PDB file of N, CA and C in Angstrom:
ATOM      1  N   MET A   1      59.604 -53.002  28.656  1.00  0.00           N
ATOM      2  CA  MET A   1      60.647 -52.443  27.519  1.00  0.00           C
ATOM      3  C   MET A   1      60.715 -53.195  26.673  1.00  0.00           C
ATOM      4  N   MET A   2      60.623 -53.420  25.107  1.00  0.00           N
ATOM      5  CA  MET A   2      61.428 -54.031  24.400  1.00  0.00           C
ATOM      6  C   MET A   2      63.126 -54.170  24.142  1.00  0.00           C
ATOM      7  N   SER A   3      63.713 -54.975  24.452  1.00  0.00           N
ATOM      8  CA  SER A   3      65.616 -54.537  23.060  1.00  0.00           C
ATOM      9  C   SER A   3      65.257 -54.960  22.531  1.00  0.00           C
ATOM     10  N   ASN A   4      66.337 -54.717  21.214  1.00  0.00           N
ATOM     11  CA  ASN A   4      66.002 -54.673  20.000  1.00  0.00           C
ATOM     12  C   ASN A   4      67.559 -55.559  19.373  1.00  0.00           C
ATOM     13  N   ALA A   5      66.987 -56.755  19.246  1.00  0.00           N
ATOM     14  CA  ALA A   5      68.171 -57.956  18.914  1.00  0.00           C
ATOM     15  C   ALA A   5      68.943 -57.709  17.014  1.00  0.00           C
ATOM     16  N   PHE A   6      69.419 -57.303  17.612  1.00  0.00           N
ATOM     17  CA  PHE A   6      70.622 -57.060  16.189  1.00  0.00           C
ATOM     18  C   PHE A   6      71.351 -58.452  15.453  1.00  0.00           C
ATOM     19  N   PRO A   7      71.514 -58.284  14.163  1.00  0.00           N
ATOM     20  CA  PRO A   7      72.043 -59.488  13.671  1.00  0.00           C
ATOM     21  C   PRO A   7      74.163 -59.126  14.176  1.00  0.00           C
ATOM     22  N   LYS A   8      74.827 -60.107  14.065  1.00  0.00           N
ATOM     23  CA  LYS A   8      75.848 -59.900  14.448  1.00  0.00           C
ATOM     24  C   LYS A   8      76.399 -59.180  13.300  1.00  0.00           C
ATOM     25  N   GLY A   9      77.108 -58.273  14.529  1.00  0.00           N
ATOM     26  CA  GLY A   9      77.946 -56.917  14.352  1.00  0.00           C
ATOM     27  C   GLY A   9      77.452 -55.889  13.476  1.00  0.00           C
ATOM     28  N   TRP A  10      76.323 -55.909  13.650  1.00  0.00           N
ATOM     29  CA  TRP A  10      75.239 -54.719  13.850  1.00  0.00           C
ATOM     30  C   TRP A  10      74.925 -54.407  14.698  1.00  0.00           C
ATOM     31  N   ASN A  11      74.801 -52.491  15.124  1.00  0.00           N
ATOM     32  CA  ASN A  11      73.620 -51.845  16.534  1.00  0.00           C
ATOM     33  C   ASN A  11      73.307 -51.169  16.116  1.00  0.00           C
ATOM     34  N   GLU A  12      72.741 -50.444  16.929  1.00  0.00           N
ATOM     35  CA  GLU A  12      71.617 -49.264  16.158  1.00  0.00           C
ATOM     36  C   GLU A  12      72.008 -48.403  15.818  1.00  0.00           C
ATOM     37  N   GLU A  13      73.601 -47.774  15.945  1.00  0.00           N
ATOM     38  CA  GLU A  13      73.633 -47.119  15.248  1.00  0.00           C
ATOM     39  C   GLU A  13      74.228 -47.530  13.669  1.00  0.00           C
ATOM     40  N   ARG A  14      74.459 -48.758  13.385  1.00  0.00           N
ATOM     41  CA  ARG A  14      74.566 -48.473  12.055  1.00  0.00           C
ATOM     42  C   ARG A  14      73.006 -48.969  11.350  1.00  0.00           C
ATOM     43  N   VAL A  15      72.496 -49.138  12.086  1.00  0.00           N
ATOM     44  CA  VAL A  15      70.595 -49.381  11.215  1.00  0.00           C
ATOM     45  C   VAL A  15      70.163 -47.830  11.009  1.00  0.00           C
ATOM     46  N   ARG A  16      70.729 -47.328  12.101  1.00  0.00           N
ATOM     47  CA  ARG A  16      70.452 -45.857  11.694  1.00  0.00           C
ATOM     48  C   ARG A  16      71.713 -44.959  10.614  1.00  0.00           C
ATOM     49  N   GLN A  17      72.637 -45.579  10.278  1.00  0.00           N
ATOM     50  CA  GLN A  17      72.777 -45.131   9.404  1.00  0.00           C
ATOM     51  C   GLN A  17      72.589 -45.783   7.759  1.00  0.00           C
ATOM     52  N   VAL A  18      72.045 -47.090   7.975  1.00  0.00           N
ATOM     53  CA  VAL A  18      71.142 -47.581   6.963  1.00  0.00           C
ATOM     54  C   VAL A  18      70.432 -46.936   6.176  1.00  0.00           C
ATOM     55  N   ILE A  19      69.403 -46.819   7.529  1.00  0.00           N
ATOM     56  CA  ILE A  19      68.148 -46.158   7.103  1.00  0.00           C
ATOM     57  C   ILE A  19      68.351 -44.616   6.714  1.00  0.00           C
ATOM     58  N   ALA A  20      69.796 -44.147   6.848  1.00  0.00           N
ATOM     59  CA  ALA A  20      69.196 -42.979   6.643  1.00  0.00           C
ATOM     60  C   ALA A  20      70.174 -42.535   5.108  1.00  0.00           C
ATOM     61  N   HIS A  21      70.795 -43.633   4.793  1.00  0.00           N
ATOM     62  CA  HIS A  21      71.372 -44.074   3.566  1.00  0.00           C
ATOM     63  C   HIS A  21      70.226 -43.978   2.492  1.00  0.00           C
ATOM     64  N   TYR A  22      69.543 -44.815   2.541  1.00  0.00           N
ATOM     65  CA  TYR A  22      68.452 -44.893   1.948  1.00  0.00           C
ATOM     66  C   TYR A  22      67.302 -44.319   1.329  1.00  0.00           C
ATOM     67  N   GLU A  23      67.162 -43.226   2.733  1.00  0.00           N
ATOM     68  CA  GLU A  23      65.992 -42.356   2.585  1.00  0.00           C
ATOM     69  C   GLU A  23      67.045 -41.002   2.454  1.00  0.00           C
ATOM     70  N   GLY A  24      68.144 -41.069   2.108  1.00  0.00           N
ATOM     71  CA  GLY A  24      68.749 -39.983   1.300  1.00  0.00           C
ATOM     72  C   GLY A  24      68.526 -39.863  -0.087  1.00  0.00           C
ATOM     73  N   GLN A  25      68.631 -40.998  -0.379  1.00  0.00           N
ATOM     74  CA  GLN A  25      69.064 -41.549  -2.494  1.00  0.00           C
ATOM     75  C   GLN A  25      67.808 -40.743  -2.707  1.00  0.00           C
ATOM     76  N   SER A  26      68.620 -40.534  -3.937  1.00  0.00           N
ATOM     77  CA  SER A  26      67.464 -39.596  -4.760  1.00  0.00           C
ATOM     78  C   SER A  26      66.459 -41.543  -5.735  1.00  0.00           C
ATOM     79  N   GLU A  27      65.870 -41.022  -6.684  1.00  0.00           N
ATOM     80  CA  GLU A  27      65.068 -42.175  -7.020  1.00  0.00           C
ATOM     81  C   GLU A  27      66.387 -42.541  -8.392  1.00  0.00           C
ATOM     82  N   ASP A  28      67.217 -41.463  -8.909  1.00  0.00           N
ATOM     83  CA  ASP A  28      67.951 -42.013 -10.109  1.00  0.00           C
ATOM     84  C   ASP A  28      69.134 -42.931  -9.070  1.00  0.00           C
ATOM     85  N   GLU A  29      69.473 -42.037  -7.911  1.00  0.00           N
ATOM     86  CA  GLU A  29      70.899 -43.634  -7.483  1.00  0.00           C
ATOM     87  C   GLU A  29      70.059 -44.328  -6.811  1.00  0.00           C
ATOM     88  N   GLN A  30      68.318 -45.322  -6.657  1.00  0.00           N
ATOM     89  CA  GLN A  30      68.246 -46.332  -6.008  1.00  0.00           C
ATOM     90  C   GLN A  30      68.238 -47.436  -7.528  1.00  0.00           C
ATOM     91  N   PHE A  31      68.359 -46.077  -8.276  1.00  0.00           N
ATOM     92  CA  PHE A  31      67.621 -47.193  -9.718  1.00  0.00           C
ATOM     93  C   PHE A  31      69.377 -47.424  -9.908  1.00  0.00           C
ATOM     94  N   ALA A  32      70.501 -46.723 -10.139  1.00  0.00           N
ATOM     95  CA  ALA A  32      71.550 -46.994 -10.486  1.00  0.00           C
ATOM     96  C   ALA A  32      71.975 -47.942  -9.365  1.00  0.00           C
ATOM     97  N   GLU A  33      72.131 -47.991  -8.307  1.00  0.00           N
ATOM     98  CA  GLU A  33      72.421 -49.469  -7.108  1.00  0.00           C
ATOM     99  C   GLU A  33      71.365 -50.470  -7.612  1.00  0.00           C
ATOM    100  N   ILE A  34      70.489 -51.107  -8.191  1.00  0.00           N
ATOM    101  CA  ILE A  34      69.420 -52.404  -8.583  1.00  0.00           C
ATOM    102  C   ILE A  34      69.977 -52.719  -9.516  1.00  0.00           C
ATOM    103  N   ASP A  35      70.441 -51.895 -10.602  1.00  0.00           N
ATOM    104  CA  ASP A  35      71.490 -51.941 -11.898  1.00  0.00           C
ATOM    105  C   ASP A  35      72.977 -52.602 -11.439  1.00  0.00           C
ATOM    106  N   ALA A  36      74.036 -51.535 -10.484  1.00  0.00           N
ATOM    107  CA  ALA A  36      74.637 -52.420 -10.430  1.00  0.00           C
ATOM    108  C   ALA A  36      74.528 -54.119  -9.953  1.00  0.00           C
ATOM    109  N   ALA A  37      73.199 -54.079  -8.949  1.00  0.00           N
ATOM    110  CA  ALA A  37      73.645 -54.999  -8.306  1.00  0.00           C
ATOM    111  C   ALA A  37      73.461 -56.025  -9.202  1.00  0.00           C
ATOM    112  N   LEU A  38      72.382 -55.711 -10.352  1.00  0.00           N
ATOM    113  CA  LEU A  38      72.269 -56.922 -11.147  1.00  0.00           C
ATOM    114  C   LEU A  38      73.754 -57.272 -11.866  1.00  0.00           C
ATOM    115  N   LEU A  39      74.285 -56.082 -12.437  1.00  0.00           N
ATOM    116  CA  LEU A  39      75.367 -56.150 -13.074  1.00  0.00           C
ATOM    117  C   LEU A  39      76.409 -57.334 -12.523  1.00  0.00           C
ATOM    118  N   GLN A  40      76.157 -57.234 -11.153  1.00  0.00           N
ATOM    119  CA  GLN A  40      77.239 -58.511 -10.178  1.00  0.00           C
ATOM    120  C   GLN A  40      77.513 -59.846 -11.215  1.00  0.00           C
ATOM    121  N   GLU A  41      78.456 -60.623 -11.714  1.00  0.00           N
ATOM    122  CA  GLU A  41      78.913 -61.350 -12.161  1.00  0.00           C
ATOM    123  C   GLU A  41      78.644 -62.120 -11.144  1.00  0.00           C
ATOM    124  N   ASP A  42      78.902 -62.977  -9.666  1.00  0.00           N
ATOM    125  CA  ASP A  42      78.626 -63.562  -9.174  1.00  0.00           C
ATOM    126  C   ASP A  42      77.784 -63.857  -8.050  1.00  0.00           C
ATOM    127  N   THR A  43      76.173 -62.844  -8.691  1.00  0.00           N
ATOM    128  CA  THR A  43      75.139 -63.066  -7.987  1.00  0.00           C
ATOM    129  C   THR A  43      73.824 -62.820  -8.660  1.00  0.00           C
ATOM    130  N   VAL A  44      73.080 -64.376  -8.423  1.00  0.00           N
ATOM    131  CA  VAL A  44      72.099 -64.331  -9.320  1.00  0.00           C
ATOM    132  C   VAL A  44      70.416 -63.499  -8.759  1.00  0.00           C
ATOM    133  N   MET A  45      69.478 -62.920  -9.339  1.00  0.00           N
ATOM    134  CA  MET A  45      68.419 -62.555  -9.321  1.00  0.00           C
ATOM    135  C   MET A  45      67.579 -63.493  -9.939  1.00  0.00           C
ATOM    136  N   MET A  46      67.184 -64.366  -8.782  1.00  0.00           N
ATOM    137  CA  MET A  46      65.346 -65.391  -9.418  1.00  0.00           C
ATOM    138  C   MET A  46      64.552 -65.288  -7.984  1.00  0.00           C
ATOM    139  N   ALA A  47      63.633 -65.225  -8.388  1.00  0.00           N
ATOM    140  CA  ALA A  47      61.619 -65.505  -7.654  1.00  0.00           C
ATOM    141  C   ALA A  47      62.116 -66.634  -7.134  1.00  0.00           C
ATOM    142  N   ILE A  48      61.506 -66.888  -5.782  1.00  0.00           N
ATOM    143  CA  ILE A  48      61.041 -68.351  -5.239  1.00  0.00           C
ATOM    144  C   ILE A  48      59.599 -67.917  -4.825  1.00  0.00           C
ATOM    145  N   PRO A  49      59.327 -69.150  -4.602  1.00  0.00           N
ATOM    146  CA  PRO A  49      57.854 -69.476  -3.705  1.00  0.00           C
ATOM    147  C   PRO A  49      58.287 -68.668  -2.306  1.00  0.00           C
ATOM    148  N   ALA A  50      57.181 -67.602  -1.593  1.00  0.00           N
ATOM    149  CA  ALA A  50      57.811 -67.114  -0.388  1.00  0.00           C
ATOM    150  C   ALA A  50      57.326 -68.095   0.461  1.00  0.00           C
ATOM    151  N   ARG A  51      56.836 -69.035   0.494  1.00  0.00           N
ATOM    152  CA  ARG A  51      57.454 -70.005   1.251  1.00  0.00           C
ATOM    153  C   ARG A  51      58.281 -71.063   1.313  1.00  0.00           C
ATOM    154  N   LEU A  52      58.739 -70.506   0.966  1.00  0.00           N
ATOM    155  CA  LEU A  52      60.591 -71.187   0.823  1.00  0.00           C
ATOM    156  C   LEU A  52      61.662 -70.228   0.875  1.00  0.00           C
ATOM    157  N   ALA A  53      61.128 -68.712   1.236  1.00  0.00           N
ATOM    158  CA  ALA A  53      62.112 -67.979   1.423  1.00  0.00           C
ATOM    159  C   ALA A  53      63.000 -68.361   2.875  1.00  0.00           C
ATOM    160  N   PRO A  54      62.387 -68.732   4.024  1.00  0.00           N
ATOM    161  CA  PRO A  54      63.096 -68.943   5.288  1.00  0.00           C
ATOM    162  C   PRO A  54      64.332 -69.787   5.391  1.00  0.00           C
ATOM    163  N   GLU A  55      63.635 -71.380   4.001  1.00  0.00           N
ATOM    164  CA  GLU A  55      64.652 -72.040   3.587  1.00  0.00           C
ATOM    165  C   GLU A  55      66.010 -71.248   2.501  1.00  0.00           C
ATOM    166  N   VAL A  56      65.644 -70.818   2.002  1.00  0.00           N
ATOM    167  CA  VAL A  56      66.618 -70.394   1.299  1.00  0.00           C
ATOM    168  C   VAL A  56      68.030 -68.930   1.759  1.00  0.00           C
ATOM    169  N   ARG A  57      67.201 -68.426   2.660  1.00  0.00           N
ATOM    170  CA  ARG A  57      67.941 -67.491   3.625  1.00  0.00           C
ATOM    171  C   ARG A  57      68.820 -68.125   4.528  1.00  0.00           C
ATOM    172  N   ALA A  58      68.447 -69.753   4.868  1.00  0.00           N
ATOM    173  CA  ALA A  58      68.890 -70.127   6.218  1.00  0.00           C
ATOM    174  C   ALA A  58      70.726 -71.165   5.458  1.00  0.00           C
ATOM    175  N   LEU A  59      70.296 -70.832   3.783  1.00  0.00           N
ATOM    176  CA  LEU A  59      71.122 -72.033   3.517  1.00  0.00           C
ATOM    177  C   LEU A  59      71.772 -71.043   2.432  1.00  0.00           C
ATOM    178  N   ILE A  60      72.256 -69.593   2.733  1.00  0.00           N
ATOM    179  CA  ILE A  60      72.428 -68.718   2.769  1.00  0.00           C
ATOM    180  C   ILE A  60      73.758 -68.106   3.655  1.00  0.00           C
ATOM    181  N   ALA A  61      72.738 -68.170   4.716  1.00  0.00           N
ATOM    182  CA  ALA A  61      73.796 -67.767   5.721  1.00  0.00           C
ATOM    183  C   ALA A  61      74.667 -69.160   6.621  1.00  0.00           C
ATOM    184  N   ARG A  62      74.285 -70.218   6.053  1.00  0.00           N
ATOM    185  CA  ARG A  62      74.993 -71.419   6.141  1.00  0.00           C
ATOM    186  C   ARG A  62      76.328 -71.534   4.946  1.00  0.00           C
ATOM    187  N   ALA A  63      76.418 -71.346   4.050  1.00  0.00           N
ATOM    188  CA  ALA A  63      77.237 -70.574   2.795  1.00  0.00           C
ATOM    189  C   ALA A  63      78.326 -69.979   3.640  1.00  0.00           C
ATOM    190  N   GLN A  64      77.578 -68.602   3.894  1.00  0.00           N
ATOM    191  CA  GLN A  64      78.515 -67.652   3.937  1.00  0.00           C
ATOM    192  C   GLN A  64      79.333 -67.809   5.573  1.00  0.00           C
ATOM    193  N   GLU A  65      79.027 -68.688   6.417  1.00  0.00           N
ATOM    194  CA  GLU A  65      79.369 -69.075   8.125  1.00  0.00           C
ATOM    195  C   GLU A  65      81.002 -69.676   7.022  1.00  0.00           C
ATOM    196  N   GLN A  66      81.032 -70.326   6.128  1.00  0.00           N
ATOM    197  CA  GLN A  66      81.831 -71.484   5.291  1.00  0.00           C
ATOM    198  C   GLN A  66      83.364 -70.617   5.057  1.00  0.00           C
TER     199      GLN A  66
END
């Protein structure tokens, strides 16, 4: 049997809650959430080559640890 490994601070119940949240959203709620994320002043959305994604994720993780 394979056990699930969750990120720090996460567990199976939290994962289930997140899934339930997003599966229960209407299309309008989904679009509103996306629009709100794009309007955050401290966040930037950009396209990067897929091959660089692991490095970008690692960089973000290091920055969040500080």
